[in-house]
Structure formats: C-alpha cells, structure tokens
C-alpha cells in the first residue's frame, strides 16, 4: 500500500508545475497588455493636444509680426537730445576806429611797473574821447571803475566767450544786464592822466582783452588786424 501512495504523489507533481507555469504566463501577458495600454494612452493624449500657434503668413512671403499685447504698457518716449551750439564763426569788429595798434598779446617790458610780464590783450592807441564800440553782440556782464584799469566794461558773447574794454569812460546809462549789438557805442578812450594804472606810461589807449571759459586768449584770433 505504501508503494502505491508514493506513486500517486509523484504523478501529481508535473500537473501542479504546469498550472503554475500557465499562471505566470497569463500574469505576464496581462502586465504587457496593461503597459501597452498606458503607452498608447500617453501617445494619443500628446498627439491630440492643441496645435502650436503659428505666425500669420505674409502673402508677399515671410511671417508677419505678432500684434502687440493691448494690455502691455507703451514704453515712454526718450527725450530729445539738446541742440548743439551753433558753429557760426565769430568775427570781431575793431573796437576803436582810426587807432594805432600798440602793445599786442605778448611777453613785454612794462615801463610803468618796471618789470617784464605777459601783456594779456591788445592796446589800441587813440586820443582821449575817441569812441569805443562793442566788438561783437552780447550782454553786458559788468561795468566797473578802478584806479588800476579805469572804466571797464565786460561783455558776454555766449559759449564762454567774453571781451573786456579797459581804460575807458563808460557811456552814460550803460549797466550790467544790457544787451548790446556789434558796433554799439559803449564808451570813449580815457585821458592817460585819468588812469593811474599799470599802463600809465603808455598814454591814452583802449586796453582790449578776450577770454574763453575764463582763460585769457589772444584777441587777434577774432580780429583782422590787417585793417589797421
């Protein structure tokens, strides 16, 4: 009897193995089917999404620009650049007519002060009472009267350019802030005895200077001395 029972157990083992193998095969097939279904779903959803917005096509060729967002604020306009100063050439007229050019813009011996120094202007020798006129249009910056320079007028011509007229009797009524035109009377040459200054020995004359941005320059740069 024992021998028969053993034979029965041995005959059942292959059947159980087959069932287990079939179970795993079915399980694996189900897993593959599930994975395939997920992949197909993802692909379908991706392909069925909204199409990308393309720029409208210009019939003449090329894409046209997208319209601006109406809600986007406009950029403020940039301020205009200031106009550049005029390049008009400045030419002075002679401040004293019928005069003689004395000491020019040079290093010289000042007999009044008994020393050498830079003469920072041009002296126009003329009789006392000879008219002195504005060499160029501008605004009177200052009117002064001192022992060293006598009567003196400074005219501002703009852009840092100024002219100075010393050793004169200033015209009556002329004052700082007045606007003068080129050739307008601003005074007369003073008598030498009335100007006890640093050029007393030079006799009666107009001492004429020009400055640019506060620095003394040769007035001949703006005058035609060949006229004298």
C-alpha atoms as a PDB file:
ATOM      1  CA  UNK A   1       0.000   0.000   0.000  1.00  0.00           C
ATOM      2  CA  UNK A   2       2.773   2.441   0.725  1.00  0.00           C
ATOM      3  CA  UNK A   3       4.262   1.950  -2.672  1.00  0.00           C
ATOM      4  CA  UNK A   4       1.023   2.854  -4.390  1.00  0.00           C
ATOM      5  CA  UNK A   5       0.654   6.062  -2.338  1.00  0.00           C
ATOM      6  CA  UNK A   6       4.098   7.233  -3.291  1.00  0.00           C
ATOM      7  CA  UNK A   7       3.413   6.653  -6.948  1.00  0.00           C
ATOM      8  CA  UNK A   8       0.242   8.721  -6.727  1.00  0.00           C
ATOM      9  CA  UNK A   9       2.123  11.728  -5.235  1.00  0.00           C
ATOM     10  CA  UNK A  10       4.783  11.555  -7.874  1.00  0.00           C
ATOM     11  CA  UNK A  11       2.188  11.516 -10.662  1.00  0.00           C
ATOM     12  CA  UNK A  12       0.554  14.739  -9.321  1.00  0.00           C
ATOM     13  CA  UNK A  13       3.735  16.882  -9.278  1.00  0.00           C
ATOM     14  CA  UNK A  14       4.074  17.558 -13.053  1.00  0.00           C
ATOM     15  CA  UNK A  15       0.454  18.702 -13.210  1.00  0.00           C
ATOM     16  CA  UNK A  16       0.977  21.251 -10.468  1.00  0.00           C
ATOM     17  CA  UNK A  17       4.092  22.584 -12.208  1.00  0.00           C
ATOM     18  CA  UNK A  18       2.211  23.048 -15.434  1.00  0.00           C
ATOM     19  CA  UNK A  19      -0.530  25.002 -13.706  1.00  0.00           C
ATOM     20  CA  UNK A  20       1.969  27.273 -12.017  1.00  0.00           C
ATOM     21  CA  UNK A  21       3.761  27.968 -15.320  1.00  0.00           C
ATOM     22  CA  UNK A  22       0.477  28.753 -17.031  1.00  0.00           C
ATOM     23  CA  UNK A  23      -0.470  31.128 -14.200  1.00  0.00           C
ATOM     24  CA  UNK A  24       2.763  33.112 -14.538  1.00  0.00           C
ATOM     25  CA  UNK A  25       2.433  33.254 -18.328  1.00  0.00           C
ATOM     26  CA  UNK A  26      -1.080  34.664 -18.038  1.00  0.00           C
ATOM     27  CA  UNK A  27       0.046  37.142 -15.393  1.00  0.00           C
ATOM     28  CA  UNK A  28       2.955  38.345 -17.562  1.00  0.00           C
ATOM     29  CA  UNK A  29       0.656  38.700 -20.589  1.00  0.00           C
ATOM     30  CA  UNK A  30      -1.748  40.838 -18.567  1.00  0.00           C
ATOM     31  CA  UNK A  31       1.104  43.045 -17.422  1.00  0.00           C
ATOM     32  CA  UNK A  32       2.289  43.527 -21.009  1.00  0.00           C
ATOM     33  CA  UNK A  33      -1.218  44.387 -22.139  1.00  0.00           C
ATOM     34  CA  UNK A  34      -1.545  46.947 -19.308  1.00  0.00           C
ATOM     35  CA  UNK A  35       1.792  48.589 -20.197  1.00  0.00           C
ATOM     36  CA  UNK A  36       0.855  48.740 -23.870  1.00  0.00           C
ATOM     37  CA  UNK A  37      -2.465  50.364 -23.000  1.00  0.00           C
ATOM     38  CA  UNK A  38      -0.733  53.030 -20.882  1.00  0.00           C
ATOM     39  CA  UNK A  39       1.779  53.811 -23.669  1.00  0.00           C
ATOM     40  CA  UNK A  40      -0.974  54.121 -26.288  1.00  0.00           C
ATOM     41  CA  UNK A  41      -2.952  56.430 -23.986  1.00  0.00           C
ATOM     42  CA  UNK A  42       0.033  58.746 -23.459  1.00  0.00           C
ATOM     43  CA  UNK A  43       0.776  58.902 -27.200  1.00  0.00           C
ATOM     44  CA  UNK A  44      -2.853  59.633 -28.032  1.00  0.00           C
ATOM     45  CA  UNK A  45      -3.119  62.427 -25.465  1.00  0.00           C
ATOM     46  CA  UNK A  46       0.131  64.011 -26.687  1.00  0.00           C
ATOM     47  CA  UNK A  47      -0.904  63.965 -30.335  1.00  0.00           C
ATOM     48  CA  UNK A  48      -4.405  65.235 -29.618  1.00  0.00           C
ATOM     49  CA  UNK A  49      -3.136  68.397 -27.772  1.00  0.00           C
ATOM     50  CA  UNK A  50      -3.754  71.924 -29.125  1.00  0.00           C
ATOM     51  CA  UNK A  51      -1.566  72.771 -32.160  1.00  0.00           C
ATOM     52  CA  UNK A  52       1.167  75.391 -31.760  1.00  0.00           C
ATOM     53  CA  UNK A  53       0.141  78.905 -32.810  1.00  0.00           C
ATOM     54  CA  UNK A  54       1.943  79.907 -35.967  1.00  0.00           C
ATOM     55  CA  UNK A  55       2.588  83.486 -37.038  1.00  0.00           C
ATOM     56  CA  UNK A  56       0.336  84.656 -39.866  1.00  0.00           C
ATOM     57  CA  UNK A  57       1.934  84.368 -43.253  1.00  0.00           C
ATOM     58  CA  UNK A  58       2.503  87.484 -45.319  1.00  0.00           C
ATOM     59  CA  UNK A  59       1.115  86.892 -48.831  1.00  0.00           C
ATOM     60  CA  UNK A  60       4.280  88.524 -50.187  1.00  0.00           C
ATOM     61  CA  UNK A  61       6.374  85.975 -48.362  1.00  0.00           C
ATOM     62  CA  UNK A  62       7.656  85.712 -44.803  1.00  0.00           C
ATOM     63  CA  UNK A  63       5.884  85.781 -41.479  1.00  0.00           C
ATOM     64  CA  UNK A  64       4.319  88.982 -40.247  1.00  0.00           C
ATOM     65  CA  UNK A  65       4.970  90.235 -36.733  1.00  0.00           C
ATOM     66  CA  UNK A  66       2.628  89.253 -33.957  1.00  0.00           C
ATOM     67  CA  UNK A  67       0.281  92.054 -32.813  1.00  0.00           C
ATOM     68  CA  UNK A  68       1.303  93.790 -29.611  1.00  0.00           C
ATOM     69  CA  UNK A  69      -0.433  92.850 -26.404  1.00  0.00           C
ATOM     70  CA  UNK A  70      -3.014  95.612 -25.799  1.00  0.00           C
ATOM     71  CA  UNK A  71      -2.548  95.222 -22.042  1.00  0.00           C
ATOM     72  CA  UNK A  72       1.184  95.805 -22.218  1.00  0.00           C
ATOM     73  CA  UNK A  73       2.006  99.475 -21.344  1.00  0.00           C
ATOM     74  CA  UNK A  74       3.683 101.574 -24.005  1.00  0.00           C
ATOM     75  CA  UNK A  75       7.330 102.441 -23.439  1.00  0.00           C
ATOM     76  CA  UNK A  76       7.862 106.162 -22.691  1.00  0.00           C
ATOM     77  CA  UNK A  77       9.398 108.199 -25.476  1.00  0.00           C
ATOM     78  CA  UNK A  78      13.033 109.097 -24.960  1.00  0.00           C
ATOM     79  CA  UNK A  79      13.665 112.856 -24.506  1.00  0.00           C
ATOM     80  CA  UNK A  80      15.065 114.674 -27.490  1.00  0.00           C
ATOM     81  CA  UNK A  81      18.769 115.434 -27.439  1.00  0.00           C
ATOM     82  CA  UNK A  82      19.534 119.134 -26.865  1.00  0.00           C
ATOM     83  CA  UNK A  83      20.562 121.067 -29.922  1.00  0.00           C
ATOM     84  CA  UNK A  84      24.277 121.509 -30.418  1.00  0.00           C
ATOM     85  CA  UNK A  85      25.588 125.089 -30.133  1.00  0.00           C
ATOM     86  CA  UNK A  86      25.813 126.981 -33.376  1.00  0.00           C
ATOM     87  CA  UNK A  87      29.033 126.693 -35.336  1.00  0.00           C
ATOM     88  CA  UNK A  88      28.666 130.263 -36.653  1.00  0.00           C
ATOM     89  CA  UNK A  89      32.097 131.846 -36.962  1.00  0.00           C
ATOM     90  CA  UNK A  90      32.652 134.784 -34.614  1.00  0.00           C
ATOM     91  CA  UNK A  91      34.437 137.769 -36.184  1.00  0.00           C
ATOM     92  CA  UNK A  92      35.011 140.880 -34.082  1.00  0.00           C
ATOM     93  CA  UNK A  93      34.886 144.385 -35.461  1.00  0.00           C
ATOM     94  CA  UNK A  94      37.560 146.901 -34.424  1.00  0.00           C
ATOM     95  CA  UNK A  95      36.579 148.393 -31.044  1.00  0.00           C
ATOM     96  CA  UNK A  96      38.294 151.725 -31.875  1.00  0.00           C
ATOM     97  CA  UNK A  97      38.320 153.213 -35.355  1.00  0.00           C
ATOM     98  CA  UNK A  98      41.278 155.289 -36.588  1.00  0.00           C
ATOM     99  CA  UNK A  99      43.550 153.944 -33.822  1.00  0.00           C
ATOM    100  CA  UNK A 100      47.073 152.542 -33.879  1.00  0.00           C
ATOM    101  CA  UNK A 101      47.910 149.069 -32.576  1.00  0.00           C
ATOM    102  CA  UNK A 102      50.338 149.399 -29.680  1.00  0.00           C
ATOM    103  CA  UNK A 103      51.390 146.505 -27.477  1.00  0.00           C
ATOM    104  CA  UNK A 104      49.974 143.184 -28.608  1.00  0.00           C
ATOM    105  CA  UNK A 105      49.381 139.881 -26.765  1.00  0.00           C
ATOM    106  CA  UNK A 106      52.986 139.126 -25.865  1.00  0.00           C
ATOM    107  CA  UNK A 107      55.612 138.980 -23.122  1.00  0.00           C
ATOM    108  CA  UNK A 108      56.829 142.560 -22.722  1.00  0.00           C
ATOM    109  CA  UNK A 109      58.615 145.093 -20.505  1.00  0.00           C
ATOM    110  CA  UNK A 110      56.099 147.206 -18.596  1.00  0.00           C
ATOM    111  CA  UNK A 111      57.808 150.567 -18.037  1.00  0.00           C
ATOM    112  CA  UNK A 112      55.106 151.677 -15.617  1.00  0.00           C
ATOM    113  CA  UNK A 113      55.676 148.717 -13.295  1.00  0.00           C
ATOM    114  CA  UNK A 114      59.371 148.363 -14.251  1.00  0.00           C
ATOM    115  CA  UNK A 115      59.111 144.638 -14.870  1.00  0.00           C
ATOM    116  CA  UNK A 116      58.513 142.026 -17.541  1.00  0.00           C
ATOM    117  CA  UNK A 117      55.149 140.327 -17.694  1.00  0.00           C
ATOM    118  CA  UNK A 118      52.617 138.889 -20.123  1.00  0.00           C
ATOM    119  CA  UNK A 119      50.510 141.549 -21.814  1.00  0.00           C
ATOM    120  CA  UNK A 120      47.157 139.751 -21.938  1.00  0.00           C
ATOM    121  CA  UNK A 121      45.471 141.944 -24.549  1.00  0.00           C
ATOM    122  CA  UNK A 122      45.940 144.447 -27.348  1.00  0.00           C
ATOM    123  CA  UNK A 123      46.363 148.207 -26.802  1.00  0.00           C
ATOM    124  CA  UNK A 124      44.655 150.480 -29.348  1.00  0.00           C
ATOM    125  CA  UNK A 125      46.334 153.903 -29.079  1.00  0.00           C
ATOM    126  CA  UNK A 126      43.924 156.788 -29.701  1.00  0.00           C
ATOM    127  CA  UNK A 127      43.213 160.284 -28.491  1.00  0.00           C
ATOM    128  CA  UNK A 128      41.160 160.723 -25.378  1.00  0.00           C
ATOM    129  CA  UNK A 129      37.474 160.921 -26.234  1.00  0.00           C
ATOM    130  CA  UNK A 130      37.713 158.521 -29.233  1.00  0.00           C
ATOM    131  CA  UNK A 131      34.622 156.307 -29.381  1.00  0.00           C
ATOM    132  CA  UNK A 132      34.865 152.699 -28.193  1.00  0.00           C
ATOM    133  CA  UNK A 133      32.306 150.226 -29.583  1.00  0.00           C
ATOM    134  CA  UNK A 134      31.309 146.631 -28.823  1.00  0.00           C
ATOM    135  CA  UNK A 135      33.395 144.263 -30.933  1.00  0.00           C
ATOM    136  CA  UNK A 136      30.544 141.734 -31.040  1.00  0.00           C
ATOM    137  CA  UNK A 137      26.939 141.459 -29.897  1.00  0.00           C
ATOM    138  CA  UNK A 138      26.284 140.225 -26.378  1.00  0.00           C
ATOM    139  CA  UNK A 139      25.153 141.077 -22.861  1.00  0.00           C
ATOM    140  CA  UNK A 140      26.977 143.457 -20.552  1.00  0.00           C
ATOM    141  CA  UNK A 141      28.275 141.342 -17.687  1.00  0.00           C
ATOM    142  CA  UNK A 142      29.821 144.095 -15.579  1.00  0.00           C
ATOM    143  CA  UNK A 143      30.693 147.815 -15.512  1.00  0.00           C
ATOM    144  CA  UNK A 144      33.476 148.878 -13.086  1.00  0.00           C
ATOM    145  CA  UNK A 145      35.794 151.832 -12.431  1.00  0.00           C
ATOM    146  CA  UNK A 146      39.115 151.347 -10.588  1.00  0.00           C
ATOM    147  CA  UNK A 147      42.469 153.149 -10.329  1.00  0.00           C
ATOM    148  CA  UNK A 148      44.355 150.276 -11.991  1.00  0.00           C
ATOM    149  CA  UNK A 149      42.099 149.812 -15.028  1.00  0.00           C
ATOM    150  CA  UNK A 150      39.969 152.934 -15.121  1.00  0.00           C
ATOM    151  CA  UNK A 151      36.496 152.432 -16.508  1.00  0.00           C
ATOM    152  CA  UNK A 152      35.993 148.835 -17.664  1.00  0.00           C
ATOM    153  CA  UNK A 153      33.185 147.010 -19.469  1.00  0.00           C
ATOM    154  CA  UNK A 154      32.924 143.210 -19.826  1.00  0.00           C
ATOM    155  CA  UNK A 155      30.585 141.807 -22.497  1.00  0.00           C
ATOM    156  CA  UNK A 156      29.474 138.168 -22.511  1.00  0.00           C
ATOM    157  CA  UNK A 157      29.045 136.816 -26.063  1.00  0.00           C
ATOM    158  CA  UNK A 158      27.853 133.327 -25.030  1.00  0.00           C
ATOM    159  CA  UNK A 159      29.519 129.899 -25.109  1.00  0.00           C
ATOM    160  CA  UNK A 160      32.163 131.112 -22.646  1.00  0.00           C
ATOM    161  CA  UNK A 161      33.463 133.911 -24.907  1.00  0.00           C
ATOM    162  CA  UNK A 162      33.864 137.399 -23.394  1.00  0.00           C
ATOM    163  CA  UNK A 163      35.507 140.697 -24.366  1.00  0.00           C
ATOM    164  CA  UNK A 164      36.882 143.342 -21.981  1.00  0.00           C
ATOM    165  CA  UNK A 165      37.368 147.072 -22.580  1.00  0.00           C
ATOM    166  CA  UNK A 166      39.579 148.901 -20.017  1.00  0.00           C
ATOM    167  CA  UNK A 167      40.866 152.475 -19.660  1.00  0.00           C
ATOM    168  CA  UNK A 168      37.620 153.999 -20.971  1.00  0.00           C
ATOM    169  CA  UNK A 169      34.996 156.431 -19.841  1.00  0.00           C
ATOM    170  CA  UNK A 170      31.879 154.249 -19.836  1.00  0.00           C
ATOM    171  CA  UNK A 171      28.876 155.523 -21.804  1.00  0.00           C
ATOM    172  CA  UNK A 172      26.213 157.112 -19.616  1.00  0.00           C
ATOM    173  CA  UNK A 173      23.446 154.724 -18.631  1.00  0.00           C
ATOM    174  CA  UNK A 174      25.272 151.542 -19.651  1.00  0.00           C
ATOM    175  CA  UNK A 175      24.913 148.895 -16.967  1.00  0.00           C
ATOM    176  CA  UNK A 176      25.160 145.172 -16.317  1.00  0.00           C
ATOM    177  CA  UNK A 177      22.387 143.199 -17.997  1.00  0.00           C
ATOM    178  CA  UNK A 178      22.091 145.499 -21.016  1.00  0.00           C
ATOM    179  CA  UNK A 179      22.049 143.869 -24.428  1.00  0.00           C
ATOM    180  CA  UNK A 180      24.428 145.461 -26.937  1.00  0.00           C
ATOM    181  CA  UNK A 181      24.829 144.968 -30.669  1.00  0.00           C
ATOM    182  CA  UNK A 182      28.066 144.778 -32.630  1.00  0.00           C
ATOM    183  CA  UNK A 183      29.428 148.290 -33.198  1.00  0.00           C
ATOM    184  CA  UNK A 184      27.266 149.883 -30.472  1.00  0.00           C
ATOM    185  CA  UNK A 185      28.898 152.737 -28.513  1.00  0.00           C
ATOM    186  CA  UNK A 186      29.916 151.645 -25.008  1.00  0.00           C
ATOM    187  CA  UNK A 187      32.302 154.483 -24.044  1.00  0.00           C
ATOM    188  CA  UNK A 188      35.298 156.632 -25.044  1.00  0.00           C
ATOM    189  CA  UNK A 189      39.057 156.371 -24.552  1.00  0.00           C
ATOM    190  CA  UNK A 190      40.128 157.900 -21.231  1.00  0.00           C
ATOM    191  CA  UNK A 191      42.859 160.531 -20.913  1.00  0.00           C
ATOM    192  CA  UNK A 192      46.109 158.978 -19.654  1.00  0.00           C
ATOM    193  CA  UNK A 193      46.179 161.314 -16.658  1.00  0.00           C
ATOM    194  CA  UNK A 194      42.799 159.967 -15.551  1.00  0.00           C
ATOM    195  CA  UNK A 195      44.006 156.350 -15.388  1.00  0.00           C
ATOM    196  CA  UNK A 196      46.763 155.948 -12.820  1.00  0.00           C
ATOM    197  CA  UNK A 197      47.025 152.241 -13.593  1.00  0.00           C
ATOM    198  CA  UNK A 198      49.570 149.638 -14.543  1.00  0.00           C
ATOM    199  CA  UNK A 199      49.923 151.043 -18.107  1.00  0.00           C
ATOM    200  CA  UNK A 200      50.044 154.753 -17.308  1.00  0.00           C
ATOM    201  CA  UNK A 201      53.257 155.300 -19.307  1.00  0.00           C
ATOM    202  CA  UNK A 202      51.612 154.012 -22.476  1.00  0.00           C
ATOM    203  CA  UNK A 203      49.478 157.133 -22.871  1.00  0.00           C
ATOM    204  CA  UNK A 204      45.793 157.197 -23.728  1.00  0.00           C
ATOM    205  CA  UNK A 205      44.608 153.910 -25.250  1.00  0.00           C
ATOM    206  CA  UNK A 206      41.971 151.185 -25.077  1.00  0.00           C
ATOM    207  CA  UNK A 207      43.203 148.020 -23.399  1.00  0.00           C
ATOM    208  CA  UNK A 208      41.220 145.236 -25.110  1.00  0.00           C
ATOM    209  CA  UNK A 209      41.163 141.636 -23.825  1.00  0.00           C
ATOM    210  CA  UNK A 210      39.362 138.416 -24.791  1.00  0.00           C
ATOM    211  CA  UNK A 211      38.724 135.378 -22.574  1.00  0.00           C
ATOM    212  CA  UNK A 212      37.386 131.921 -23.347  1.00  0.00           C
ATOM    213  CA  UNK A 213      35.980 129.935 -20.422  1.00  0.00           C
ATOM    214  CA  UNK A 214      37.788 132.254 -18.031  1.00  0.00           C
ATOM    215  CA  UNK A 215      41.190 131.967 -19.689  1.00  0.00           C
ATOM    216  CA  UNK A 216      42.905 134.856 -21.453  1.00  0.00           C
ATOM    217  CA  UNK A 217      43.477 134.332 -25.208  1.00  0.00           C
ATOM    218  CA  UNK A 218      44.999 136.439 -27.973  1.00  0.00           C
ATOM    219  CA  UNK A 219      42.332 138.880 -29.278  1.00  0.00           C
ATOM    220  CA  UNK A 220      43.944 138.618 -32.723  1.00  0.00           C
ATOM    221  CA  UNK A 221      42.140 135.254 -33.005  1.00  0.00           C
ATOM    222  CA  UNK A 222      38.926 137.211 -33.557  1.00  0.00           C
ATOM    223  CA  UNK A 223      40.222 140.447 -35.079  1.00  0.00           C
ATOM    224  CA  UNK A 224      41.513 141.313 -38.537  1.00  0.00           C
ATOM    225  CA  UNK A 225      44.479 143.477 -37.562  1.00  0.00           C
ATOM    226  CA  UNK A 226      45.362 143.965 -41.237  1.00  0.00           C
ATOM    227  CA  UNK A 227      42.597 146.559 -41.305  1.00  0.00           C
ATOM    228  CA  UNK A 228      44.793 148.846 -39.176  1.00  0.00           C
END
